[in-house]
């Protein structure tokens, strides 16, 4: 073998070795042993994730940071919306609610005005995640009256998770009032509002 032939053989060997996992080598005929050898060569090239190391690409890191910031901002916005909703509702009803609670403390059973009360759920996106309901009170007594209503918030099994009291003071005969009842508990679950007590006085 001359020097030129030796160099060609060496180059051919390097080329074959470098592409062993990519190119299916011919020359073994169409026998089953040839096919098995080819499959073995290609599957041996599959990368093993456990052999990788280092930090993720900067673009992925940036994307992860942006997603985390977006989630934090959404949670913060929901807390702010819930706080604003709670404040706006309670500021207008603190005194009336105290009077309604005192009235319900005298009542045994469901009260005399359950038939005068209806409930409409409020979208939790509006309340920052709080469970809430509009309590529609209609004075059907024929005379001016005040109403005290206790609302229970229940989970899907019927368990009472929270309770609150709303008031409709000095309601004229035939008039309607729509105070809002809301719960600050278990904001991750949709709760069902129910009228527990309603008293006209």
N, C-alpha and C. Protein backbone atom coordinates (compact mmCIF):
# COMPACT_ATOMS: atom_id res chain seq x y z
N UNK A 1 0.86 -1.20 0.00
CA UNK A 1 0.00 0.00 0.00
C UNK A 1 0.88 1.23 0.00
N UNK A 2 0.60 2.16 -0.97
CA UNK A 2 1.40 3.38 -1.00
C UNK A 2 0.84 4.41 -0.04
N UNK A 3 1.52 5.54 0.13
CA UNK A 3 1.14 6.57 1.11
C UNK A 3 -0.20 7.19 0.76
N UNK A 4 -0.47 7.41 -0.53
CA UNK A 4 -1.73 8.07 -0.94
C UNK A 4 -2.91 7.17 -0.62
N UNK A 5 -2.79 5.89 -0.87
CA UNK A 5 -3.88 4.95 -0.57
C UNK A 5 -4.13 4.88 0.92
N UNK A 6 -3.05 4.97 1.74
CA UNK A 6 -3.22 4.94 3.20
C UNK A 6 -3.99 6.15 3.69
N UNK A 7 -3.67 7.32 3.11
CA UNK A 7 -4.38 8.52 3.53
C UNK A 7 -5.86 8.44 3.18
N UNK A 8 -6.19 7.90 2.01
CA UNK A 8 -7.59 7.77 1.60
C UNK A 8 -8.35 6.82 2.52
N UNK A 9 -7.70 5.72 2.91
CA UNK A 9 -8.36 4.77 3.81
C UNK A 9 -8.61 5.39 5.17
N UNK A 10 -7.66 6.15 5.68
CA UNK A 10 -7.81 6.80 6.99
C UNK A 10 -8.94 7.81 6.97
N UNK A 11 -9.01 8.61 5.89
CA UNK A 11 -10.08 9.60 5.76
C UNK A 11 -11.44 8.92 5.67
N UNK A 12 -11.51 7.84 4.93
CA UNK A 12 -12.75 7.09 4.81
C UNK A 12 -13.19 6.54 6.15
N UNK A 13 -12.23 6.07 6.96
CA UNK A 13 -12.57 5.53 8.27
C UNK A 13 -13.14 6.60 9.18
N UNK A 14 -12.55 7.82 9.17
CA UNK A 14 -13.06 8.92 10.00
C UNK A 14 -14.46 9.31 9.58
N UNK A 15 -14.69 9.39 8.26
CA UNK A 15 -15.99 9.78 7.75
C UNK A 15 -17.06 8.76 8.16
N UNK A 16 -16.75 7.50 8.05
CA UNK A 16 -17.70 6.44 8.40
C UNK A 16 -17.99 6.48 9.89
N UNK A 17 -16.95 6.70 10.70
CA UNK A 17 -17.16 6.73 12.16
C UNK A 17 -18.00 7.91 12.58
N UNK A 18 -17.80 9.07 11.96
CA UNK A 18 -18.53 10.27 12.36
C UNK A 18 -19.99 10.23 11.97
N UNK A 19 -20.37 9.41 10.98
CA UNK A 19 -21.75 9.40 10.51
C UNK A 19 -22.44 8.08 10.81
N UNK A 20 -21.85 7.30 11.71
CA UNK A 20 -22.38 5.97 11.97
C UNK A 20 -23.81 6.01 12.47
N UNK A 21 -24.15 7.02 13.27
CA UNK A 21 -25.49 7.08 13.84
C UNK A 21 -26.50 7.73 12.91
N UNK A 22 -26.08 8.32 11.78
CA UNK A 22 -26.99 9.06 10.93
C UNK A 22 -27.28 8.31 9.65
N UNK A 23 -26.29 7.76 9.05
CA UNK A 23 -26.44 7.13 7.74
C UNK A 23 -26.61 5.63 7.91
N UNK A 24 -27.63 5.07 7.28
CA UNK A 24 -27.82 3.62 7.29
C UNK A 24 -26.90 3.04 6.24
N UNK A 25 -25.95 2.24 6.68
CA UNK A 25 -24.94 1.73 5.76
C UNK A 25 -25.48 0.61 4.91
N UNK A 26 -25.16 0.64 3.64
CA UNK A 26 -25.56 -0.42 2.71
C UNK A 26 -24.41 -1.42 2.61
N UNK A 27 -24.65 -2.48 1.83
CA UNK A 27 -23.57 -3.43 1.59
C UNK A 27 -23.79 -4.73 2.31
N UNK A 28 -24.86 -4.80 3.16
CA UNK A 28 -25.14 -6.05 3.85
C UNK A 28 -26.24 -6.82 3.16
N UNK A 29 -26.66 -6.34 1.99
CA UNK A 29 -27.71 -7.02 1.26
C UNK A 29 -29.07 -6.71 1.85
N UNK A 30 -30.07 -7.53 1.53
CA UNK A 30 -31.43 -7.30 2.00
C UNK A 30 -31.82 -8.30 3.07
N UNK A 31 -30.84 -8.91 3.72
CA UNK A 31 -31.14 -9.91 4.74
C UNK A 31 -31.68 -9.25 5.98
N UNK A 32 -32.36 -10.04 6.86
CA UNK A 32 -32.93 -9.51 8.09
C UNK A 32 -31.84 -9.05 9.03
N UNK A 33 -30.68 -9.70 9.00
CA UNK A 33 -29.59 -9.28 9.87
C UNK A 33 -29.10 -7.89 9.49
N UNK A 34 -29.14 -7.58 8.19
CA UNK A 34 -28.74 -6.25 7.74
C UNK A 34 -29.71 -5.20 8.25
N UNK A 35 -31.06 -5.50 8.24
CA UNK A 35 -32.05 -4.54 8.70
C UNK A 35 -31.91 -4.30 10.19
N UNK A 36 -31.65 -5.37 10.96
CA UNK A 36 -31.49 -5.22 12.40
C UNK A 36 -30.29 -4.36 12.74
N UNK A 37 -29.23 -4.54 11.99
CA UNK A 37 -28.02 -3.76 12.23
C UNK A 37 -28.28 -2.28 11.95
N UNK A 38 -29.05 -2.01 10.88
CA UNK A 38 -29.35 -0.63 10.54
C UNK A 38 -30.22 0.02 11.62
N UNK A 39 -31.24 -0.71 12.12
CA UNK A 39 -32.10 -0.17 13.17
C UNK A 39 -31.31 0.10 14.44
N UNK A 40 -30.38 -0.81 14.74
CA UNK A 40 -29.56 -0.64 15.93
C UNK A 40 -28.69 0.59 15.82
N UNK A 41 -28.19 0.84 14.63
CA UNK A 41 -27.32 2.00 14.43
C UNK A 41 -28.09 3.30 14.59
N UNK A 42 -29.33 3.36 14.06
CA UNK A 42 -30.09 4.61 14.16
C UNK A 42 -30.59 4.85 15.58
N UNK A 43 -31.08 3.81 16.28
CA UNK A 43 -31.59 4.01 17.62
C UNK A 43 -30.49 4.37 18.60
N UNK A 44 -29.28 3.95 18.32
CA UNK A 44 -28.16 4.28 19.20
C UNK A 44 -27.85 5.76 19.17
N UNK A 45 -28.35 6.47 18.14
CA UNK A 45 -28.07 7.90 18.01
C UNK A 45 -29.03 8.75 18.84
N UNK A 46 -30.16 8.17 19.36
CA UNK A 46 -31.14 8.94 20.13
C UNK A 46 -30.47 9.60 21.32
N UNK A 47 -30.67 10.92 21.53
CA UNK A 47 -29.99 11.61 22.63
C UNK A 47 -30.55 11.20 23.99
N UNK A 48 -29.72 11.19 24.98
CA UNK A 48 -30.12 10.86 26.35
C UNK A 48 -30.19 12.15 27.14
N UNK A 49 -31.41 12.59 27.54
CA UNK A 49 -31.54 13.88 28.24
C UNK A 49 -30.71 13.98 29.50
N UNK A 50 -30.44 12.84 30.15
CA UNK A 50 -29.69 12.88 31.40
C UNK A 50 -28.25 13.32 31.20
N UNK A 51 -27.80 13.29 29.93
CA UNK A 51 -26.42 13.68 29.66
C UNK A 51 -26.28 15.17 29.40
N UNK A 52 -27.43 15.90 29.36
CA UNK A 52 -27.36 17.33 29.13
C UNK A 52 -27.15 18.06 30.44
N UNK A 53 -26.53 19.22 30.40
CA UNK A 53 -26.31 20.01 31.61
C UNK A 53 -26.31 21.48 31.24
N UNK A 54 -26.26 22.32 32.28
CA UNK A 54 -26.20 23.76 32.04
C UNK A 54 -27.55 24.42 32.18
N UNK A 55 -27.62 25.72 31.98
CA UNK A 55 -28.82 26.51 32.12
C UNK A 55 -29.64 26.47 30.83
N UNK A 56 -30.98 26.66 30.92
CA UNK A 56 -31.78 26.72 29.70
C UNK A 56 -31.41 27.94 28.88
N UNK A 57 -31.71 27.94 27.60
CA UNK A 57 -31.41 29.10 26.77
C UNK A 57 -32.04 30.36 27.34
N UNK A 58 -31.38 31.49 27.13
CA UNK A 58 -31.85 32.74 27.72
C UNK A 58 -33.26 33.09 27.30
N UNK A 59 -33.67 32.74 26.09
CA UNK A 59 -35.03 33.04 25.62
C UNK A 59 -36.06 32.31 26.46
N UNK A 60 -35.77 31.03 26.80
CA UNK A 60 -36.69 30.26 27.63
C UNK A 60 -36.73 30.82 29.04
N UNK A 61 -35.60 31.21 29.57
CA UNK A 61 -35.55 31.79 30.91
C UNK A 61 -36.37 33.07 30.95
N UNK A 62 -36.24 33.88 29.92
CA UNK A 62 -36.99 35.13 29.85
C UNK A 62 -38.49 34.86 29.77
N UNK A 63 -38.87 33.83 29.00
CA UNK A 63 -40.27 33.48 28.86
C UNK A 63 -40.85 33.02 30.19
N UNK A 64 -40.08 32.21 30.92
CA UNK A 64 -40.53 31.72 32.23
C UNK A 64 -40.70 32.87 33.20
N UNK A 65 -39.77 33.81 33.19
CA UNK A 65 -39.86 34.96 34.08
C UNK A 65 -41.09 35.81 33.75
N UNK A 66 -41.35 35.99 32.46
CA UNK A 66 -42.51 36.77 32.05
C UNK A 66 -43.81 36.10 32.48
N UNK A 67 -43.86 34.77 32.35
CA UNK A 67 -45.07 34.04 32.75
C UNK A 67 -45.29 34.16 34.25
N UNK A 68 -44.20 34.04 35.01
CA UNK A 68 -44.31 34.15 36.47
C UNK A 68 -44.79 35.55 36.87
N UNK A 69 -44.26 36.56 36.21
CA UNK A 69 -44.66 37.94 36.50
C UNK A 69 -46.14 38.15 36.16
N UNK A 70 -46.59 37.55 35.05
CA UNK A 70 -47.98 37.70 34.65
C UNK A 70 -48.92 37.05 35.66
N UNK A 71 -48.54 35.87 36.15
CA UNK A 71 -49.36 35.18 37.15
C UNK A 71 -49.43 36.01 38.43
N UNK A 72 -48.29 36.54 38.87
CA UNK A 72 -48.25 37.37 40.08
C UNK A 72 -49.11 38.61 39.93
N UNK A 73 -49.03 39.24 38.75
CA UNK A 73 -49.82 40.44 38.49
C UNK A 73 -51.32 40.13 38.50
N UNK A 74 -51.69 38.97 37.92
CA UNK A 74 -53.10 38.58 37.90
C UNK A 74 -53.61 38.34 39.31
N UNK A 75 -52.81 37.64 40.12
CA UNK A 75 -53.22 37.37 41.50
C UNK A 75 -53.36 38.66 42.29
N UNK A 76 -52.40 39.57 42.10
CA UNK A 76 -52.44 40.86 42.79
C UNK A 76 -53.67 41.66 42.36
N UNK A 77 -53.97 41.63 41.08
CA UNK A 77 -55.14 42.35 40.56
C UNK A 77 -56.42 41.78 41.14
N UNK A 78 -56.49 40.45 41.26
CA UNK A 78 -57.68 39.81 41.82
C UNK A 78 -57.87 40.19 43.28
N UNK A 79 -56.76 40.23 44.05
CA UNK A 79 -56.85 40.62 45.45
C UNK A 79 -57.33 42.07 45.57
N UNK A 80 -56.81 42.94 44.71
CA UNK A 80 -57.21 44.34 44.73
C UNK A 80 -58.69 44.49 44.37
N UNK A 81 -59.13 43.73 43.37
CA UNK A 81 -60.54 43.81 42.95
C UNK A 81 -61.45 43.31 44.07
N UNK A 82 -61.05 42.22 44.73
CA UNK A 82 -61.84 41.68 45.83
C UNK A 82 -61.94 42.69 46.96
N UNK A 83 -60.82 43.32 47.27
CA UNK A 83 -60.81 44.32 48.35
C UNK A 83 -61.69 45.50 48.01
N UNK A 84 -61.61 45.97 46.77
CA UNK A 84 -62.41 47.12 46.34
C UNK A 84 -63.90 46.78 46.37
N UNK A 85 -64.23 45.56 45.91
CA UNK A 85 -65.63 45.13 45.91
C UNK A 85 -66.16 45.05 47.34
N UNK A 86 -65.38 44.42 48.21
CA UNK A 86 -65.78 44.27 49.62
C UNK A 86 -65.99 45.63 50.28
N UNK A 87 -65.08 46.56 50.05
CA UNK A 87 -65.16 47.88 50.65
C UNK A 87 -66.39 48.64 50.17
N UNK A 88 -66.65 48.58 48.85
CA UNK A 88 -67.77 49.33 48.29
C UNK A 88 -69.10 48.80 48.81
N UNK A 89 -69.18 47.47 49.01
CA UNK A 89 -70.42 46.88 49.50
C UNK A 89 -70.61 47.18 50.98
N UNK A 90 -69.56 46.95 51.78
CA UNK A 90 -69.70 47.07 53.22
C UNK A 90 -69.81 48.51 53.69
N UNK A 91 -69.20 49.46 52.99
CA UNK A 91 -69.23 50.86 53.42
C UNK A 91 -70.65 51.39 53.47
N UNK A 92 -71.48 50.93 52.56
CA UNK A 92 -72.85 51.44 52.48
C UNK A 92 -73.82 50.72 53.39
N UNK A 93 -73.36 49.64 54.05
CA UNK A 93 -74.32 48.80 54.76
C UNK A 93 -73.93 48.44 56.19
N UNK A 94 -72.87 49.02 56.73
CA UNK A 94 -72.39 48.63 58.06
C UNK A 94 -73.46 48.82 59.12
N UNK A 95 -74.05 50.00 59.19
CA UNK A 95 -75.05 50.27 60.22
C UNK A 95 -76.31 49.45 60.02
N UNK A 96 -76.78 49.37 58.77
CA UNK A 96 -77.98 48.60 58.49
C UNK A 96 -77.77 47.12 58.78
N UNK A 97 -76.58 46.64 58.50
CA UNK A 97 -76.28 45.22 58.75
C UNK A 97 -76.28 44.92 60.24
N UNK A 98 -75.74 45.82 61.04
CA UNK A 98 -75.72 45.63 62.50
C UNK A 98 -77.15 45.53 63.03
N UNK A 99 -78.03 46.39 62.55
CA UNK A 99 -79.43 46.36 62.98
C UNK A 99 -80.10 45.06 62.54
N UNK A 100 -79.77 44.61 61.32
CA UNK A 100 -80.37 43.38 60.80
C UNK A 100 -79.91 42.17 61.61
N UNK A 101 -78.63 42.12 61.99
CA UNK A 101 -78.13 41.02 62.80
C UNK A 101 -78.84 40.98 64.15
N UNK A 102 -79.05 42.15 64.75
CA UNK A 102 -79.73 42.22 66.04
C UNK A 102 -81.16 41.70 65.91
N UNK A 103 -81.81 42.01 64.81
CA UNK A 103 -83.18 41.55 64.59
C UNK A 103 -83.23 40.04 64.40
N UNK A 104 -82.29 39.49 63.63
CA UNK A 104 -82.28 38.05 63.37
C UNK A 104 -81.96 37.26 64.64
N UNK A 105 -81.24 37.88 65.56
CA UNK A 105 -80.92 37.19 66.82
C UNK A 105 -82.18 36.88 67.61
N UNK A 106 -83.25 37.60 67.34
CA UNK A 106 -84.53 37.38 68.05
C UNK A 106 -85.37 36.30 67.38
N UNK A 107 -84.97 35.90 66.17
CA UNK A 107 -85.80 35.01 65.36
C UNK A 107 -85.39 33.55 65.55
N UNK A 108 -86.39 32.70 65.69
CA UNK A 108 -86.14 31.26 65.68
C UNK A 108 -86.74 30.71 64.38
N UNK A 109 -86.03 29.86 63.71
CA UNK A 109 -86.49 29.33 62.44
C UNK A 109 -86.11 30.22 61.28
N UNK A 110 -86.82 30.06 60.17
CA UNK A 110 -86.46 30.74 58.93
C UNK A 110 -86.92 32.20 58.89
N UNK A 111 -87.85 32.60 59.74
CA UNK A 111 -88.34 33.97 59.72
C UNK A 111 -89.62 34.09 58.92
N UNK A 112 -90.19 35.30 58.89
CA UNK A 112 -91.50 35.52 58.29
C UNK A 112 -91.47 36.07 56.86
N UNK A 113 -90.27 36.18 56.27
CA UNK A 113 -90.20 36.86 54.97
C UNK A 113 -89.37 36.12 53.92
N UNK A 114 -89.19 34.82 54.07
CA UNK A 114 -88.39 34.05 53.10
C UNK A 114 -88.99 34.16 51.70
N UNK A 115 -90.30 34.20 51.60
CA UNK A 115 -90.96 34.27 50.29
C UNK A 115 -90.74 35.61 49.60
N UNK A 116 -90.29 36.61 50.35
CA UNK A 116 -90.06 37.94 49.77
C UNK A 116 -88.64 38.13 49.23
N UNK A 117 -87.83 37.07 49.30
CA UNK A 117 -86.40 37.19 48.98
C UNK A 117 -86.01 36.28 47.82
N UNK A 118 -85.24 36.83 46.87
CA UNK A 118 -84.68 36.05 45.76
C UNK A 118 -83.19 36.31 45.64
N UNK A 119 -82.46 35.38 45.05
CA UNK A 119 -81.01 35.50 44.91
C UNK A 119 -80.58 35.41 43.46
N UNK A 120 -79.59 36.22 43.09
CA UNK A 120 -78.97 36.15 41.76
C UNK A 120 -77.46 36.13 41.95
N UNK A 121 -76.81 35.10 41.43
CA UNK A 121 -75.35 34.99 41.56
C UNK A 121 -74.62 36.10 40.82
N UNK A 122 -73.45 36.45 41.33
CA UNK A 122 -72.60 37.47 40.70
C UNK A 122 -71.37 36.79 40.14
N UNK A 123 -71.00 37.13 38.91
CA UNK A 123 -69.81 36.57 38.27
C UNK A 123 -68.58 36.85 39.12
N UNK A 124 -67.81 35.82 39.44
CA UNK A 124 -66.65 35.98 40.31
C UNK A 124 -65.55 36.82 39.66
N UNK A 125 -65.59 36.95 38.34
CA UNK A 125 -64.61 37.81 37.67
C UNK A 125 -64.86 39.27 38.03
N UNK A 126 -66.11 39.60 38.37
CA UNK A 126 -66.47 40.96 38.74
C UNK A 126 -66.04 41.28 40.17
N UNK A 127 -65.99 40.25 41.01
CA UNK A 127 -65.76 40.47 42.44
C UNK A 127 -64.34 40.16 42.88
N UNK A 128 -63.44 39.89 41.92
CA UNK A 128 -62.06 39.55 42.28
C UNK A 128 -61.95 38.16 42.87
N UNK A 129 -62.90 37.28 42.57
CA UNK A 129 -62.85 35.91 43.07
C UNK A 129 -63.78 35.64 44.23
N UNK A 130 -64.36 36.68 44.83
CA UNK A 130 -65.28 36.48 45.95
C UNK A 130 -66.59 35.86 45.45
N UNK A 131 -67.15 34.96 46.25
CA UNK A 131 -68.49 34.46 45.97
C UNK A 131 -69.49 35.52 46.43
N UNK A 132 -70.43 35.86 45.58
CA UNK A 132 -71.38 36.92 45.92
C UNK A 132 -72.72 36.67 45.27
N UNK A 133 -73.74 37.29 45.84
CA UNK A 133 -75.08 37.19 45.28
C UNK A 133 -75.84 38.49 45.53
N UNK A 134 -76.63 38.90 44.54
CA UNK A 134 -77.54 40.03 44.72
C UNK A 134 -78.79 39.49 45.40
N UNK A 135 -79.14 40.07 46.54
CA UNK A 135 -80.31 39.65 47.30
C UNK A 135 -81.46 40.61 46.97
N UNK A 136 -82.44 40.12 46.24
CA UNK A 136 -83.58 40.96 45.86
C UNK A 136 -84.70 40.79 46.88
N UNK A 137 -85.00 41.88 47.57
CA UNK A 137 -86.04 41.88 48.60
C UNK A 137 -87.22 42.70 48.09
N UNK A 138 -88.40 42.10 48.07
CA UNK A 138 -89.61 42.79 47.64
C UNK A 138 -90.58 42.88 48.81
N UNK A 139 -90.95 44.08 49.15
CA UNK A 139 -91.87 44.29 50.28
C UNK A 139 -93.31 44.04 49.82
N UNK A 140 -93.84 42.90 50.16
CA UNK A 140 -95.20 42.52 49.79
C UNK A 140 -96.18 42.69 50.95
N UNK A 141 -95.75 43.37 51.99
CA UNK A 141 -96.58 43.46 53.21
C UNK A 141 -97.70 44.47 53.11
N UNK A 142 -97.61 45.41 52.18
CA UNK A 142 -98.63 46.45 52.07
C UNK A 142 -98.35 47.66 52.93
N UNK A 143 -97.21 47.64 53.65
CA UNK A 143 -96.84 48.79 54.49
C UNK A 143 -95.32 48.89 54.53
N UNK A 144 -94.84 50.05 54.90
CA UNK A 144 -93.40 50.24 54.99
C UNK A 144 -92.81 49.26 56.00
N UNK A 145 -91.64 48.64 55.64
CA UNK A 145 -91.03 47.65 56.54
C UNK A 145 -89.53 47.56 56.26
N UNK A 146 -88.83 47.00 57.24
CA UNK A 146 -87.39 46.72 57.08
C UNK A 146 -87.19 45.21 57.03
N UNK A 147 -86.11 44.79 56.36
CA UNK A 147 -85.85 43.36 56.20
C UNK A 147 -84.43 43.04 56.65
N UNK A 148 -84.31 41.89 57.29
CA UNK A 148 -83.00 41.33 57.64
C UNK A 148 -82.91 39.95 57.00
N UNK A 149 -81.84 39.69 56.25
CA UNK A 149 -81.71 38.43 55.52
C UNK A 149 -80.34 37.80 55.79
N UNK A 150 -80.36 36.55 56.19
CA UNK A 150 -79.11 35.80 56.39
C UNK A 150 -78.90 34.88 55.20
N UNK A 151 -77.72 34.98 54.60
CA UNK A 151 -77.36 34.15 53.44
C UNK A 151 -76.26 33.18 53.83
N UNK A 152 -76.49 31.90 53.55
CA UNK A 152 -75.45 30.89 53.72
C UNK A 152 -74.78 30.62 52.37
N UNK A 153 -73.45 30.48 52.39
CA UNK A 153 -72.71 30.07 51.19
C UNK A 153 -72.28 28.62 51.40
N UNK A 154 -72.75 27.73 50.53
CA UNK A 154 -72.52 26.30 50.68
C UNK A 154 -71.65 25.75 49.55
N UNK A 155 -70.91 24.68 49.88
CA UNK A 155 -70.14 24.00 48.83
C UNK A 155 -71.05 23.00 48.13
N UNK A 156 -70.49 22.24 47.20
CA UNK A 156 -71.29 21.33 46.38
C UNK A 156 -71.95 20.23 47.21
N UNK A 157 -71.39 19.92 48.38
CA UNK A 157 -71.96 18.86 49.23
C UNK A 157 -73.06 19.39 50.15
N UNK A 158 -73.27 20.71 50.15
CA UNK A 158 -74.28 21.30 51.01
C UNK A 158 -73.74 21.80 52.34
N UNK A 159 -72.44 21.68 52.54
CA UNK A 159 -71.82 22.17 53.77
C UNK A 159 -71.75 23.70 53.75
N UNK A 160 -72.14 24.33 54.86
CA UNK A 160 -72.09 25.79 54.96
C UNK A 160 -70.64 26.22 55.20
N UNK A 161 -70.09 26.96 54.24
CA UNK A 161 -68.71 27.43 54.32
C UNK A 161 -68.65 28.81 54.98
N UNK A 162 -69.66 29.63 54.73
CA UNK A 162 -69.67 30.99 55.27
C UNK A 162 -71.11 31.49 55.34
N UNK A 163 -71.35 32.49 56.18
CA UNK A 163 -72.67 33.12 56.30
C UNK A 163 -72.49 34.62 56.41
N UNK A 164 -73.48 35.35 55.95
CA UNK A 164 -73.46 36.81 56.09
C UNK A 164 -74.89 37.32 56.18
N UNK A 165 -75.03 38.54 56.67
CA UNK A 165 -76.35 39.15 56.83
C UNK A 165 -76.41 40.44 56.02
N UNK A 166 -77.51 40.64 55.31
CA UNK A 166 -77.73 41.89 54.59
C UNK A 166 -79.04 42.50 55.08
N UNK A 167 -79.19 43.80 54.80
CA UNK A 167 -80.37 44.51 55.28
C UNK A 167 -81.03 45.30 54.16
N UNK A 168 -82.33 45.45 54.27
CA UNK A 168 -83.09 46.33 53.38
C UNK A 168 -83.98 47.17 54.29
N UNK A 169 -83.44 48.28 54.81
CA UNK A 169 -84.20 49.08 55.78
C UNK A 169 -85.22 50.01 55.13
N UNK A 170 -86.31 50.24 55.88
CA UNK A 170 -87.32 51.24 55.50
C UNK A 170 -87.78 51.09 54.05
N UNK A 171 -88.19 49.91 53.69
CA UNK A 171 -88.61 49.64 52.31
C UNK A 171 -90.11 49.93 52.18
N UNK A 172 -90.47 50.78 51.24
CA UNK A 172 -91.88 51.13 51.03
C UNK A 172 -92.68 49.93 50.54
N UNK A 173 -93.96 49.97 50.75
CA UNK A 173 -94.83 48.88 50.29
C UNK A 173 -94.70 48.71 48.78
N UNK A 174 -94.48 47.48 48.34
CA UNK A 174 -94.35 47.18 46.92
C UNK A 174 -92.97 47.48 46.33
N UNK A 175 -92.07 48.10 47.13
CA UNK A 175 -90.74 48.47 46.61
C UNK A 175 -89.76 47.29 46.72
N UNK A 176 -88.67 47.43 45.99
CA UNK A 176 -87.61 46.41 46.00
C UNK A 176 -86.29 47.02 46.45
N UNK A 177 -85.46 46.19 47.07
CA UNK A 177 -84.08 46.57 47.40
C UNK A 177 -83.18 45.42 46.96
N UNK A 178 -81.93 45.73 46.60
CA UNK A 178 -81.01 44.69 46.14
C UNK A 178 -79.62 44.82 46.80
N UNK A 179 -79.55 44.54 48.08
CA UNK A 179 -78.23 44.50 48.72
C UNK A 179 -77.43 43.31 48.19
N UNK A 180 -76.10 43.38 48.38
CA UNK A 180 -75.23 42.31 47.90
C UNK A 180 -74.64 41.55 49.09
N UNK A 181 -74.78 40.24 49.05
CA UNK A 181 -74.18 39.37 50.06
C UNK A 181 -72.93 38.75 49.46
N UNK A 182 -71.84 38.68 50.23
CA UNK A 182 -70.63 38.07 49.69
C UNK A 182 -69.86 37.35 50.78
N UNK A 183 -69.03 36.41 50.35
CA UNK A 183 -68.20 35.63 51.26
C UNK A 183 -66.74 35.89 50.94
N UNK A 184 -65.92 36.00 51.99
CA UNK A 184 -64.48 36.18 51.79
C UNK A 184 -63.72 34.86 52.00
N UNK A 185 -64.46 33.78 52.19
CA UNK A 185 -63.81 32.48 52.44
C UNK A 185 -63.80 31.62 51.18
N UNK A 186 -62.75 30.81 51.06
CA UNK A 186 -62.64 29.83 49.98
C UNK A 186 -62.90 30.45 48.60
N UNK A 187 -62.05 31.42 48.26
CA UNK A 187 -62.21 32.11 46.98
C UNK A 187 -61.83 31.25 45.78
N UNK A 188 -61.25 30.06 46.04
CA UNK A 188 -60.86 29.18 44.93
C UNK A 188 -62.02 28.28 44.49
N UNK A 189 -63.12 28.29 45.24
CA UNK A 189 -64.24 27.39 44.95
C UNK A 189 -65.52 28.19 44.75
N UNK A 190 -66.30 27.81 43.76
CA UNK A 190 -67.60 28.44 43.55
C UNK A 190 -68.57 27.91 44.60
N UNK A 191 -69.11 28.82 45.42
CA UNK A 191 -70.05 28.44 46.47
C UNK A 191 -71.48 28.81 46.06
N UNK A 192 -72.44 28.10 46.64
CA UNK A 192 -73.85 28.31 46.30
C UNK A 192 -74.52 29.13 47.40
N UNK A 193 -75.07 30.31 47.07
CA UNK A 193 -75.75 31.12 48.08
C UNK A 193 -77.18 30.62 48.31
N UNK A 194 -77.61 30.57 49.57
CA UNK A 194 -78.97 30.17 49.90
C UNK A 194 -79.50 31.07 51.02
N UNK A 195 -80.80 31.32 50.99
CA UNK A 195 -81.44 32.11 52.03
C UNK A 195 -81.63 31.22 53.27
N UNK A 196 -80.97 31.58 54.35
CA UNK A 196 -81.10 30.81 55.59
C UNK A 196 -82.21 31.38 56.47
N UNK A 197 -82.31 32.71 56.53
CA UNK A 197 -83.35 33.38 57.31
C UNK A 197 -83.73 34.68 56.61
N UNK A 198 -84.97 35.09 56.78
CA UNK A 198 -85.42 36.39 56.28
C UNK A 198 -86.54 36.88 57.19
N UNK A 199 -86.33 38.04 57.76
CA UNK A 199 -87.29 38.58 58.72
C UNK A 199 -87.72 40.00 58.33
N UNK A 200 -89.01 40.19 58.31
CA UNK A 200 -89.57 41.52 58.06
C UNK A 200 -89.96 42.12 59.42
N UNK A 201 -89.60 43.38 59.63
CA UNK A 201 -89.91 43.98 60.94
C UNK A 201 -90.21 45.48 60.81
